[in-house]
PDB file of N, CA and C in Angstrom:
ATOM      1  N   MET A   1       8.505  12.148   9.391  1.00  0.00           N
ATOM      2  CA  MET A   1       7.858  10.923   9.110  1.00  0.00           C
ATOM      3  C   MET A   1       8.578   9.290   9.602  1.00  0.00           C
ATOM      4  N   ASN A   2       7.975   8.470  10.529  1.00  0.00           N
ATOM      5  CA  ASN A   2       8.527   7.564  10.999  1.00  0.00           C
ATOM      6  C   ASN A   2       8.539   6.521   9.866  1.00  0.00           C
ATOM      7  N   ASN A   3       9.154   5.275  10.208  1.00  0.00           N
ATOM      8  CA  ASN A   3       9.115   4.315   9.565  1.00  0.00           C
ATOM      9  C   ASN A   3       8.074   3.511   8.951  1.00  0.00           C
ATOM     10  N   ALA A   4       7.533   3.054  10.370  1.00  0.00           N
ATOM     11  CA  ALA A   4       6.113   3.137  10.116  1.00  0.00           C
ATOM     12  C   ALA A   4       5.198   3.641   9.375  1.00  0.00           C
ATOM     13  N   THR A   5       4.825   4.625   9.136  1.00  0.00           N
ATOM     14  CA  THR A   5       4.354   5.547   8.279  1.00  0.00           C
ATOM     15  C   THR A   5       4.690   5.259   6.658  1.00  0.00           C
ATOM     16  N   CYS A   6       5.928   5.058   6.783  1.00  0.00           N
ATOM     17  CA  CYS A   6       6.951   4.977   5.288  1.00  0.00           C
ATOM     18  C   CYS A   6       5.911   4.028   4.763  1.00  0.00           C
ATOM     19  N   LEU A   7       6.182   2.737   5.735  1.00  0.00           N
ATOM     20  CA  LEU A   7       6.053   1.397   5.072  1.00  0.00           C
ATOM     21  C   LEU A   7       4.347   1.198   5.092  1.00  0.00           C
ATOM     22  N   VAL A   8       3.380   1.827   5.556  1.00  0.00           N
ATOM     23  CA  VAL A   8       1.823   1.776   5.411  1.00  0.00           C
ATOM     24  C   VAL A   8       2.011   2.457   4.269  1.00  0.00           C
ATOM     25  N   LEU A   9       2.374   3.473   3.673  1.00  0.00           N
ATOM     26  CA  LEU A   9       2.441   4.166   2.168  1.00  0.00           C
ATOM     27  C   LEU A   9       2.643   3.501   1.214  1.00  0.00           C
ATOM     28  N   VAL A  10       3.596   2.473   1.551  1.00  0.00           N
ATOM     29  CA  VAL A  10       3.901   1.528   0.494  1.00  0.00           C
ATOM     30  C   VAL A  10       2.706   0.795   0.027  1.00  0.00           C
ATOM     31  N   VAL A  11       2.673   0.301   1.342  1.00  0.00           N
ATOM     32  CA  VAL A  11       1.586  -1.149   0.813  1.00  0.00           C
ATOM     33  C   VAL A  11       0.597  -0.049   0.178  1.00  0.00           C
ATOM     34  N   ALA A  12      -0.144   1.199   0.525  1.00  0.00           N
ATOM     35  CA  ALA A  12      -1.019   1.720  -0.329  1.00  0.00           C
ATOM     36  C   ALA A  12      -1.087   1.746  -1.823  1.00  0.00           C
ATOM     37  N   MET A  13       0.152   1.883  -2.105  1.00  0.00           N
ATOM     38  CA  MET A  13       0.531   1.656  -4.016  1.00  0.00           C
ATOM     39  C   MET A  13       0.629   0.420  -3.903  1.00  0.00           C
ATOM     40  N   ALA A  14       0.436  -0.872  -3.273  1.00  0.00           N
ATOM     41  CA  ALA A  14       0.387  -1.959  -3.885  1.00  0.00           C
ATOM     42  C   ALA A  14      -0.988  -2.470  -3.593  1.00  0.00           C
ATOM     43  N   MET A  15      -1.847  -1.932  -2.408  1.00  0.00           N
ATOM     44  CA  MET A  15      -3.387  -2.198  -2.698  1.00  0.00           C
ATOM     45  C   MET A  15      -4.712  -1.177  -2.973  1.00  0.00           C
ATOM     46  N   ALA A  16      -3.937  -0.316  -3.917  1.00  0.00           N
ATOM     47  CA  ALA A  16      -5.069   0.204  -4.748  1.00  0.00           C
ATOM     48  C   ALA A  16      -5.771  -0.690  -5.475  1.00  0.00           C
ATOM     49  N   LEU A  17      -6.391  -0.931  -4.898  1.00  0.00           N
ATOM     50  CA  LEU A  17      -7.782  -2.562  -5.810  1.00  0.00           C
ATOM     51  C   LEU A  17      -9.142  -1.648  -5.321  1.00  0.00           C
ATOM     52  N   SER A  18     -10.051  -1.847  -6.465  1.00  0.00           N
ATOM     53  CA  SER A  18     -11.226  -1.720  -6.301  1.00  0.00           C
ATOM     54  C   SER A  18     -11.713  -1.629  -4.827  1.00  0.00           C
ATOM     55  N   VAL A  19     -12.143  -0.619  -4.122  1.00  0.00           N
ATOM     56  CA  VAL A  19     -12.090  -1.322  -2.902  1.00  0.00           C
ATOM     57  C   VAL A  19     -13.500  -1.112  -2.482  1.00  0.00           C
ATOM     58  N   VAL A  20     -14.792  -1.731  -1.994  1.00  0.00           N
ATOM     59  CA  VAL A  20     -16.204  -1.721  -1.938  1.00  0.00           C
ATOM     60  C   VAL A  20     -16.211  -2.275  -0.323  1.00  0.00           C
ATOM     61  N   ALA A  21     -17.296  -1.243   0.299  1.00  0.00           N
ATOM     62  CA  ALA A  21     -17.281  -1.536   1.323  1.00  0.00           C
ATOM     63  C   ALA A  21     -18.637  -2.500   1.985  1.00  0.00           C
ATOM     64  N   THR A  22     -18.046  -3.650   2.769  1.00  0.00           N
ATOM     65  CA  THR A  22     -18.961  -4.056   3.478  1.00  0.00           C
ATOM     66  C   THR A  22     -19.120  -4.387   4.688  1.00  0.00           C
ATOM     67  N   ALA A  23     -20.099  -4.952   5.259  1.00  0.00           N
ATOM     68  CA  ALA A  23     -20.263  -5.127   6.449  1.00  0.00           C
ATOM     69  C   ALA A  23     -19.350  -6.516   7.117  1.00  0.00           C
ATOM     70  N   ALA A  24     -18.780  -6.721   6.479  1.00  0.00           N
ATOM     71  CA  ALA A  24     -17.685  -7.989   6.912  1.00  0.00           C
ATOM     72  C   ALA A  24     -16.623  -7.115   7.485  1.00  0.00           C
ATOM     73  N   PRO A  25     -16.127  -7.442   8.874  1.00  0.00           N
ATOM     74  CA  PRO A  25     -14.678  -7.532   9.390  1.00  0.00           C
ATOM     75  C   PRO A  25     -13.431  -7.194   8.602  1.00  0.00           C
ATOM     76  N   PRO A  26     -12.876  -6.465   8.556  1.00  0.00           N
ATOM     77  CA  PRO A  26     -11.182  -6.603   8.065  1.00  0.00           C
ATOM     78  C   PRO A  26     -10.558  -7.928   8.261  1.00  0.00           C
ATOM     79  N   LYS A  27      -9.919  -8.352   7.912  1.00  0.00           N
ATOM     80  CA  LYS A  27      -8.932  -9.488   8.114  1.00  0.00           C
ATOM     81  C   LYS A  27      -7.480  -9.014   8.073  1.00  0.00           C
ATOM     82  N   ILE A  28      -7.337  -7.565   7.397  1.00  0.00           N
ATOM     83  CA  ILE A  28      -5.541  -7.355   7.483  1.00  0.00           C
ATOM     84  C   ILE A  28      -5.608  -6.247   7.826  1.00  0.00           C
ATOM     85  N   SER A  29      -4.277  -6.407   9.079  1.00  0.00           N
ATOM     86  CA  SER A  29      -4.199  -4.968   9.872  1.00  0.00           C
ATOM     87  C   SER A  29      -3.263  -4.537   9.509  1.00  0.00           C
ATOM     88  N   CYS A  30      -3.251  -3.327  10.004  1.00  0.00           N
ATOM     89  CA  CYS A  30      -2.150  -2.028   9.286  1.00  0.00           C
ATOM     90  C   CYS A  30      -0.791  -2.959   9.783  1.00  0.00           C
ATOM     91  N   GLY A  31      -0.979  -3.201  11.117  1.00  0.00           N
ATOM     92  CA  GLY A  31       0.241  -4.304  11.037  1.00  0.00           C
ATOM     93  C   GLY A  31       0.938  -5.428  10.190  1.00  0.00           C
ATOM     94  N   GLU A  32       0.108  -5.810   9.630  1.00  0.00           N
ATOM     95  CA  GLU A  32       0.350  -6.997   8.521  1.00  0.00           C
ATOM     96  C   GLU A  32       0.669  -5.949   7.528  1.00  0.00           C
ATOM     97  N   VAL A  33       0.303  -5.175   6.921  1.00  0.00           N
ATOM     98  CA  VAL A  33      -0.122  -4.247   5.831  1.00  0.00           C
ATOM     99  C   VAL A  33       2.156  -3.570   6.042  1.00  0.00           C
ATOM    100  N   THR A  34       2.201  -3.438   7.219  1.00  0.00           N
ATOM    101  CA  THR A  34       3.584  -2.888   7.354  1.00  0.00           C
ATOM    102  C   THR A  34       4.753  -3.829   7.419  1.00  0.00           C
ATOM    103  N   THR A  35       4.406  -5.038   7.865  1.00  0.00           N
ATOM    104  CA  THR A  35       5.048  -6.075   7.988  1.00  0.00           C
ATOM    105  C   THR A  35       5.641  -6.564   6.954  1.00  0.00           C
ATOM    106  N   THR A  36       4.345  -6.804   5.676  1.00  0.00           N
ATOM    107  CA  THR A  36       4.475  -7.266   4.413  1.00  0.00           C
ATOM    108  C   THR A  36       5.322  -6.429   3.472  1.00  0.00           C
ATOM    109  N   LEU A  37       5.334  -5.048   3.434  1.00  0.00           N
ATOM    110  CA  LEU A  37       5.637  -4.414   3.097  1.00  0.00           C
ATOM    111  C   LEU A  37       7.319  -3.403   3.496  1.00  0.00           C
ATOM    112  N   ALA A  38       7.977  -4.358   4.876  1.00  0.00           N
ATOM    113  CA  ALA A  38       9.180  -3.897   5.485  1.00  0.00           C
ATOM    114  C   ALA A  38       9.996  -3.810   4.546  1.00  0.00           C
ATOM    115  N   PRO A  39      10.267  -4.880   3.422  1.00  0.00           N
ATOM    116  CA  PRO A  39      11.448  -4.591   2.328  1.00  0.00           C
ATOM    117  C   PRO A  39      11.414  -3.681   1.527  1.00  0.00           C
ATOM    118  N   CYS A  40      10.107  -2.766   1.755  1.00  0.00           N
ATOM    119  CA  CYS A  40       9.995  -1.859   0.652  1.00  0.00           C
ATOM    120  C   CYS A  40      10.759  -0.372   1.258  1.00  0.00           C
ATOM    121  N   PHE A  41      11.018  -0.297   2.447  1.00  0.00           N
ATOM    122  CA  PHE A  41      11.080   0.545   3.439  1.00  0.00           C
ATOM    123  C   PHE A  41      12.216   1.777   2.669  1.00  0.00           C
ATOM    124  N   GLU A  42      13.158   1.192   2.257  1.00  0.00           N
ATOM    125  CA  GLU A  42      14.553   1.747   1.690  1.00  0.00           C
ATOM    126  C   GLU A  42      14.369   2.395   0.511  1.00  0.00           C
ATOM    127  N   TYR A  43      13.705   1.585  -0.586  1.00  0.00           N
ATOM    128  CA  TYR A  43      13.254   2.179  -1.785  1.00  0.00           C
ATOM    129  C   TYR A  43      12.290   3.159  -1.532  1.00  0.00           C
ATOM    130  N   VAL A  44      11.166   3.295  -0.672  1.00  0.00           N
ATOM    131  CA  VAL A  44      10.366   3.971  -0.407  1.00  0.00           C
ATOM    132  C   VAL A  44      11.043   5.728  -0.395  1.00  0.00           C
ATOM    133  N   LEU A  45      11.533   5.390   0.777  1.00  0.00           N
ATOM    134  CA  LEU A  45      12.360   6.535   1.155  1.00  0.00           C
ATOM    135  C   LEU A  45      13.666   6.942   0.333  1.00  0.00           C
ATOM    136  N   GLY A  46      14.327   6.343  -0.226  1.00  0.00           N
ATOM    137  CA  GLY A  46      15.718   6.630  -1.140  1.00  0.00           C
ATOM    138  C   GLY A  46      15.438   7.003  -2.470  1.00  0.00           C
ATOM    139  N   GLY A  47      14.334   6.155  -3.153  1.00  0.00           N
ATOM    140  CA  GLY A  47      14.555   5.725  -4.585  1.00  0.00           C
ATOM    141  C   GLY A  47      15.346   4.620  -4.481  1.00  0.00           C
ATOM    142  N   GLY A  48      16.299   4.432  -5.945  1.00  0.00           N
ATOM    143  CA  GLY A  48      17.200   3.472  -6.699  1.00  0.00           C
ATOM    144  C   GLY A  48      16.419   2.138  -6.922  1.00  0.00           C
ATOM    145  N   LYS A  49      16.928   1.003  -6.706  1.00  0.00           N
ATOM    146  CA  LYS A  49      16.602  -0.206  -7.344  1.00  0.00           C
ATOM    147  C   LYS A  49      15.564  -0.724  -6.101  1.00  0.00           C
ATOM    148  N   VAL A  50      14.131  -1.491  -6.763  1.00  0.00           N
ATOM    149  CA  VAL A  50      13.344  -2.042  -6.059  1.00  0.00           C
ATOM    150  C   VAL A  50      14.211  -3.210  -5.367  1.00  0.00           C
ATOM    151  N   PRO A  51      14.219  -3.825  -4.471  1.00  0.00           N
ATOM    152  CA  PRO A  51      14.294  -4.702  -3.557  1.00  0.00           C
ATOM    153  C   PRO A  51      13.198  -6.073  -4.254  1.00  0.00           C
ATOM    154  N   VAL A  52      13.844  -6.883  -4.625  1.00  0.00           N
ATOM    155  CA  VAL A  52      12.979  -8.459  -4.749  1.00  0.00           C
ATOM    156  C   VAL A  52      12.048  -8.511  -3.755  1.00  0.00           C
ATOM    157  N   ASN A  53      12.590  -8.680  -2.656  1.00  0.00           N
ATOM    158  CA  ASN A  53      11.341  -8.696  -1.336  1.00  0.00           C
ATOM    159  C   ASN A  53      10.521  -7.862  -1.069  1.00  0.00           C
ATOM    160  N   CYS A  54      11.082  -6.609  -1.611  1.00  0.00           N
ATOM    161  CA  CYS A  54       9.845  -5.771  -1.661  1.00  0.00           C
ATOM    162  C   CYS A  54       8.718  -6.424  -2.563  1.00  0.00           C
ATOM    163  N   CYS A  55       9.226  -6.347  -3.813  1.00  0.00           N
ATOM    164  CA  CYS A  55       8.194  -6.975  -4.807  1.00  0.00           C
ATOM    165  C   CYS A  55       7.349  -7.993  -4.558  1.00  0.00           C
ATOM    166  N   ASP A  56       8.188  -9.027  -3.634  1.00  0.00           N
ATOM    167  CA  ASP A  56       6.925 -10.203  -3.092  1.00  0.00           C
ATOM    168  C   ASP A  56       6.402  -9.951  -2.191  1.00  0.00           C
ATOM    169  N   GLY A  57       6.564  -8.546  -1.367  1.00  0.00           N
ATOM    170  CA  GLY A  57       5.347  -8.389  -0.096  1.00  0.00           C
ATOM    171  C   GLY A  57       4.251  -7.800  -0.834  1.00  0.00           C
ATOM    172  N   VAL A  58       4.851  -6.713  -1.961  1.00  0.00           N
ATOM    173  CA  VAL A  58       3.556  -6.102  -3.098  1.00  0.00           C
ATOM    174  C   VAL A  58       2.790  -7.168  -3.480  1.00  0.00           C
ATOM    175  N   LYS A  59       3.527  -7.856  -3.905  1.00  0.00           N
ATOM    176  CA  LYS A  59       2.444  -8.977  -4.695  1.00  0.00           C
ATOM    177  C   LYS A  59       1.697  -9.930  -3.387  1.00  0.00           C
ATOM    178  N   SER A  60       2.446 -10.139  -2.619  1.00  0.00           N
ATOM    179  CA  SER A  60       1.568 -11.081  -1.207  1.00  0.00           C
ATOM    180  C   SER A  60       0.656 -10.067  -1.275  1.00  0.00           C
ATOM    181  N   LEU A  61       0.387  -9.021  -0.720  1.00  0.00           N
ATOM    182  CA  LEU A  61      -0.502  -8.703  -0.227  1.00  0.00           C
ATOM    183  C   LEU A  61      -1.362  -7.967  -1.249  1.00  0.00           C
ATOM    184  N   TYR A  62      -1.100  -7.917  -2.543  1.00  0.00           N
ATOM    185  CA  TYR A  62      -2.261  -7.552  -3.651  1.00  0.00           C
ATOM    186  C   TYR A  62      -2.972  -8.919  -3.588  1.00  0.00           C
ATOM    187  N   LYS A  63      -2.634 -10.045  -3.428  1.00  0.00           N
ATOM    188  CA  LYS A  63      -3.659 -11.570  -3.275  1.00  0.00           C
ATOM    189  C   LYS A  63      -4.279 -11.629  -2.248  1.00  0.00           C
ATOM    190  N   ALA A  64      -3.132 -11.010  -1.426  1.00  0.00           N
ATOM    191  CA  ALA A  64      -3.848 -11.197   0.289  1.00  0.00           C
ATOM    192  C   ALA A  64      -5.654 -10.405   0.200  1.00  0.00           C
ATOM    193  N   ALA A  65      -5.399  -9.560  -0.361  1.00  0.00           N
ATOM    194  CA  ALA A  65      -6.680  -8.570  -0.614  1.00  0.00           C
ATOM    195  C   ALA A  65      -7.868  -9.003  -1.432  1.00  0.00           C
ATOM    196  N   ASN A  66      -8.047 -10.259  -1.237  1.00  0.00           N
ATOM    197  CA  ASN A  66      -9.061 -10.506  -2.252  1.00  0.00           C
ATOM    198  C   ASN A  66     -10.335 -10.751  -1.670  1.00  0.00           C
ATOM    199  N   THR A  67     -10.977  -9.702  -1.126  1.00  0.00           N
ATOM    200  CA  THR A  67     -12.589  -9.898  -0.654  1.00  0.00           C
ATOM    201  C   THR A  67     -12.647  -8.087  -0.076  1.00  0.00           C
ATOM    202  N   SER A  68     -13.754  -7.715  -0.528  1.00  0.00           N
ATOM    203  CA  SER A  68     -14.000  -6.120  -0.613  1.00  0.00           C
ATOM    204  C   SER A  68     -13.593  -5.264   1.166  1.00  0.00           C
ATOM    205  N   ALA A  69     -13.721  -6.764   2.150  1.00  0.00           N
ATOM    206  CA  ALA A  69     -13.521  -5.887   3.499  1.00  0.00           C
ATOM    207  C   ALA A  69     -12.090  -5.930   3.467  1.00  0.00           C
ATOM    208  N   ASN A  70     -11.361  -7.012   3.148  1.00  0.00           N
ATOM    209  CA  ASN A  70      -9.711  -6.747   3.213  1.00  0.00           C
ATOM    210  C   ASN A  70      -8.911  -5.429   2.348  1.00  0.00           C
ATOM    211  N   ARG A  71      -9.957  -5.262   1.153  1.00  0.00           N
ATOM    212  CA  ARG A  71      -9.345  -4.235   0.240  1.00  0.00           C
ATOM    213  C   ARG A  71      -9.624  -2.964   1.085  1.00  0.00           C
ATOM    214  N   ARG A  72     -10.631  -2.779   1.448  1.00  0.00           N
ATOM    215  CA  ARG A  72     -11.012  -1.615   2.126  1.00  0.00           C
ATOM    216  C   ARG A  72     -10.422  -1.571   3.432  1.00  0.00           C
ATOM    217  N   SER A  73      -9.853  -2.329   3.997  1.00  0.00           N
ATOM    218  CA  SER A  73      -8.944  -2.313   5.286  1.00  0.00           C
ATOM    219  C   SER A  73      -7.415  -1.783   4.883  1.00  0.00           C
ATOM    220  N   VAL A  74      -7.037  -2.336   3.995  1.00  0.00           N
ATOM    221  CA  VAL A  74      -6.050  -2.158   3.522  1.00  0.00           C
ATOM    222  C   VAL A  74      -5.963  -0.744   3.058  1.00  0.00           C
ATOM    223  N   CYS A  75      -6.856  -0.198   2.176  1.00  0.00           N
ATOM    224  CA  CYS A  75      -6.774   1.053   1.468  1.00  0.00           C
ATOM    225  C   CYS A  75      -6.545   2.182   2.871  1.00  0.00           C
ATOM    226  N   ILE A  76      -7.879   2.129   3.898  1.00  0.00           N
ATOM    227  CA  ILE A  76      -8.123   2.983   4.689  1.00  0.00           C
ATOM    228  C   ILE A  76      -6.259   3.087   5.778  1.00  0.00           C
ATOM    229  N   CYS A  77      -5.748   1.800   5.908  1.00  0.00           N
ATOM    230  CA  CYS A  77      -4.022   1.971   6.551  1.00  0.00           C
ATOM    231  C   CYS A  77      -3.764   2.627   5.781  1.00  0.00           C
ATOM    232  N   LEU A  78      -3.190   2.790   4.479  1.00  0.00           N
ATOM    233  CA  LEU A  78      -2.532   3.096   3.499  1.00  0.00           C
ATOM    234  C   LEU A  78      -2.547   5.093   3.452  1.00  0.00           C
ATOM    235  N   LYS A  79      -4.239   5.432   3.202  1.00  0.00           N
ATOM    236  CA  LYS A  79      -4.650   6.630   3.121  1.00  0.00           C
ATOM    237  C   LYS A  79      -4.177   7.268   4.685  1.00  0.00           C
ATOM    238  N   SER A  80      -4.671   6.859   5.486  1.00  0.00           N
ATOM    239  CA  SER A  80      -4.097   7.346   6.798  1.00  0.00           C
ATOM    240  C   SER A  80      -2.454   7.534   6.570  1.00  0.00           C
ATOM    241  N   VAL A  81      -2.140   7.577   6.110  1.00  0.00           N
ATOM    242  CA  VAL A  81      -0.379   7.782   6.168  1.00  0.00           C
ATOM    243  C   VAL A  81       0.044   8.920   5.568  1.00  0.00           C
ATOM    244  N   THR A  82      -0.822   8.953   3.981  1.00  0.00           N
ATOM    245  CA  THR A  82      -0.418   9.477   2.325  1.00  0.00           C
ATOM    246  C   THR A  82      -0.277  11.050   2.803  1.00  0.00           C
ATOM    247  N   GLY A  83      -1.142  11.435   3.943  1.00  0.00           N
ATOM    248  CA  GLY A  83      -1.251  12.916   4.201  1.00  0.00           C
ATOM    249  C   GLY A  83      -0.191  13.246   4.657  1.00  0.00           C
ATOM    250  N   SER A  84       0.928  12.436   5.126  1.00  0.00           N
ATOM    251  CA  SER A  84       1.815  13.139   5.804  1.00  0.00           C
ATOM    252  C   SER A  84       3.215  12.624   5.058  1.00  0.00           C
ATOM    253  N   ALA A  85       2.978  12.303   4.331  1.00  0.00           N
ATOM    254  CA  ALA A  85       4.539  11.824   3.236  1.00  0.00           C
ATOM    255  C   ALA A  85       4.860  13.107   2.438  1.00  0.00           C
ATOM    256  N   SER A  86       6.156  12.929   2.317  1.00  0.00           N
ATOM    257  CA  SER A  86       6.236  13.978   1.494  1.00  0.00           C
ATOM    258  C   SER A  86       6.411  13.448  -0.038  1.00  0.00           C
ATOM    259  N   PRO A  87       6.509  14.420  -0.916  1.00  0.00           N
ATOM    260  CA  PRO A  87       6.366  14.545  -2.558  1.00  0.00           C
ATOM    261  C   PRO A  87       7.255  13.481  -2.759  1.00  0.00           C
ATOM    262  N   VAL A  88       8.596  13.314  -2.411  1.00  0.00           N
ATOM    263  CA  VAL A  88       9.519  11.922  -3.267  1.00  0.00           C
ATOM    264  C   VAL A  88       8.962  10.574  -2.402  1.00  0.00           C
ATOM    265  N   THR A  89       8.754  10.653  -1.392  1.00  0.00           N
ATOM    266  CA  THR A  89       7.915   9.303  -0.548  1.00  0.00           C
ATOM    267  C   THR A  89       7.349   8.889  -1.395  1.00  0.00           C
ATOM    268  N   LEU A  90       6.205   9.937  -1.345  1.00  0.00           N
ATOM    269  CA  LEU A  90       4.887   9.634  -1.971  1.00  0.00           C
ATOM    270  C   LEU A  90       4.985   9.141  -3.898  1.00  0.00           C
ATOM    271  N   LYS A  91       5.957   9.670  -4.276  1.00  0.00           N
ATOM    272  CA  LYS A  91       6.242   9.258  -5.556  1.00  0.00           C
ATOM    273  C   LYS A  91       6.777   7.844  -5.837  1.00  0.00           C
ATOM    274  N   ASN A  92       7.876   7.691  -4.984  1.00  0.00           N
ATOM    275  CA  ASN A  92       8.381   6.278  -4.656  1.00  0.00           C
ATOM    276  C   ASN A  92       7.181   4.838  -4.613  1.00  0.00           C
ATOM    277  N   ALA A  93       6.717   5.643  -3.654  1.00  0.00           N
ATOM    278  CA  ALA A  93       5.820   4.456  -3.318  1.00  0.00           C
ATOM    279  C   ALA A  93       4.336   4.352  -4.339  1.00  0.00           C
ATOM    280  N   LYS A  94       4.114   5.174  -4.914  1.00  0.00           N
ATOM    281  CA  LYS A  94       2.980   5.056  -5.831  1.00  0.00           C
ATOM    282  C   LYS A  94       3.512   4.227  -7.210  1.00  0.00           C
ATOM    283  N   SER A  95       5.454   4.611  -7.537  1.00  0.00           N
ATOM    284  CA  SER A  95       5.511   3.511  -8.382  1.00  0.00           C
ATOM    285  C   SER A  95       6.115   2.395  -8.237  1.00  0.00           C
ATOM    286  N   LEU A  96       5.816   1.488  -7.013  1.00  0.00           N
ATOM    287  CA  LEU A  96       5.923   0.153  -6.729  1.00  0.00           C
ATOM    288  C   LEU A  96       5.281  -0.684  -7.464  1.00  0.00           C
ATOM    289  N   PRO A  97       3.718  -0.318  -7.410  1.00  0.00           N
ATOM    290  CA  PRO A  97       3.196  -1.653  -8.289  1.00  0.00           C
ATOM    291  C   PRO A  97       3.935  -1.873  -9.240  1.00  0.00           C
ATOM    292  N   GLY A  98       4.156  -0.405 -10.348  1.00  0.00           N
ATOM    293  CA  GLY A  98       4.454  -0.798 -11.629  1.00  0.00           C
ATOM    294  C   GLY A  98       5.729  -1.831 -11.836  1.00  0.00           C
ATOM    295  N   LYS A  99       6.079  -1.033 -11.064  1.00  0.00           N
ATOM    296  CA  LYS A  99       8.258  -1.790 -10.946  1.00  0.00           C
ATOM    297  C   LYS A  99       7.510  -3.220 -10.142  1.00  0.00           C
ATOM    298  N   CYS A 100       6.428  -3.455  -9.712  1.00  0.00           N
ATOM    299  CA  CYS A 100       6.711  -4.813  -9.232  1.00  0.00           C
ATOM    300  C   CYS A 100       6.055  -5.874 -10.118  1.00  0.00           C
ATOM    301  N   GLY A 101       5.234  -5.481 -11.364  1.00  0.00           N
ATOM    302  CA  GLY A 101       4.429  -6.135 -12.010  1.00  0.00           C
ATOM    303  C   GLY A 101       3.171  -6.106 -11.419  1.00  0.00           C
ATOM    304  N   VAL A 102       2.674  -5.246 -10.696  1.00  0.00           N
ATOM    305  CA  VAL A 102       0.972  -5.227 -10.450  1.00  0.00           C
ATOM    306  C   VAL A 102       0.612  -4.019 -11.007  1.00  0.00           C
ATOM    307  N   SER A 103      -0.908  -4.634 -11.613  1.00  0.00           N
ATOM    308  CA  SER A 103      -1.570  -3.376 -12.201  1.00  0.00           C
ATOM    309  C   SER A 103      -2.617  -3.329 -11.214  1.00  0.00           C
ATOM    310  N   LEU A 104      -2.493  -1.672 -10.988  1.00  0.00           N
ATOM    311  CA  LEU A 104      -3.777  -1.065 -10.069  1.00  0.00           C
ATOM    312  C   LEU A 104      -4.641  -0.043 -11.084  1.00  0.00           C
ATOM    313  N   PRO A 105      -6.051  -0.375 -10.841  1.00  0.00           N
ATOM    314  CA  PRO A 105      -6.894   0.844 -11.330  1.00  0.00           C
ATOM    315  C   PRO A 105      -7.144   2.089 -11.364  1.00  0.00           C
ATOM    316  N   PHE A 106      -6.054   2.732 -10.281  1.00  0.00           N
ATOM    317  CA  PHE A 106      -5.831   4.177  -9.594  1.00  0.00           C
ATOM    318  C   PHE A 106      -4.873   3.812  -8.442  1.00  0.00           C
ATOM    319  N   GLU A 107      -4.804   5.504  -8.048  1.00  0.00           N
ATOM    320  CA  GLU A 107      -3.797   5.769  -6.947  1.00  0.00           C
ATOM    321  C   GLU A 107      -4.179   5.323  -5.483  1.00  0.00           C
ATOM    322  N   ILE A 108      -3.463   5.235  -4.457  1.00  0.00           N
ATOM    323  CA  ILE A 108      -3.961   5.879  -3.381  1.00  0.00           C
ATOM    324  C   ILE A 108      -3.473   7.260  -3.269  1.00  0.00           C
ATOM    325  N   THR A 109      -4.174   8.197  -2.917  1.00  0.00           N
ATOM    326  CA  THR A 109      -4.166   9.522  -2.201  1.00  0.00           C
ATOM    327  C   THR A 109      -4.642   9.947  -0.893  1.00  0.00           C
ATOM    328  N   PRO A 110      -4.322  10.874  -0.477  1.00  0.00           N
ATOM    329  CA  PRO A 110      -5.265  11.230   0.609  1.00  0.00           C
ATOM    330  C   PRO A 110      -6.549  12.066   0.556  1.00  0.00           C
ATOM    331  N   ALA A 111      -6.935  11.753  -0.728  1.00  0.00           N
ATOM    332  CA  ALA A 111      -8.354  11.819  -1.182  1.00  0.00           C
ATOM    333  C   ALA A 111      -9.085  10.495  -1.510  1.00  0.00           C
ATOM    334  N   ILE A 112      -8.695   9.520  -1.524  1.00  0.00           N
ATOM    335  CA  ILE A 112      -9.122   8.357  -2.090  1.00  0.00           C
ATOM    336  C   ILE A 112     -10.635   7.983  -1.100  1.00  0.00           C
ATOM    337  N   ASP A 113     -11.392   7.560  -1.596  1.00  0.00           N
ATOM    338  CA  ASP A 113     -12.569   7.123  -1.145  1.00  0.00           C
ATOM    339  C   ASP A 113     -12.373   5.477  -0.772  1.00  0.00           C
ATOM    340  N   CYS A 114     -11.975   5.245   0.169  1.00  0.00           N
ATOM    341  CA  CYS A 114     -11.637   3.590   0.488  1.00  0.00           C
ATOM    342  C   CYS A 114     -13.199   2.621   0.260  1.00  0.00           C
ATOM    343  N   ASN A 115     -14.274   3.685   0.442  1.00  0.00           N
ATOM    344  CA  ASN A 115     -15.661   2.541   0.343  1.00  0.00           C
ATOM    345  C   ASN A 115     -15.966   2.521  -1.128  1.00  0.00           C
ATOM    346  N   LYS A 116     -15.148   2.726  -2.155  1.00  0.00           N
ATOM    347  CA  LYS A 116     -15.467   2.503  -3.906  1.00  0.00           C
ATOM    348  C   LYS A 116     -14.396   1.368  -4.025  1.00  0.00           C
TER     349      LYS A 116
END
């Protein structure tokens, strides 16, 4: 699994918002998701303490996903990498929202429906 895949997975945990499909084009790209969550990479791969700048990225992305199109875009980006993540990496990524004080109504998994 490459670094970009891990970072995108981290974002998925932060962006598991109520995703509703709309006709509006997505505003948040996978590149933006990856860049925003780059500080989380070390934690997602190895565990330990979550860096403060990682949580800053998680919270920033959560706030940026303020429309249905943005939430769907982030969800699709994150969903695309969950299938290739190891169980440990996926577990660490799923723990990020809670460790960063972000409450999500569900988890991003390979089976998530980003249209809901």
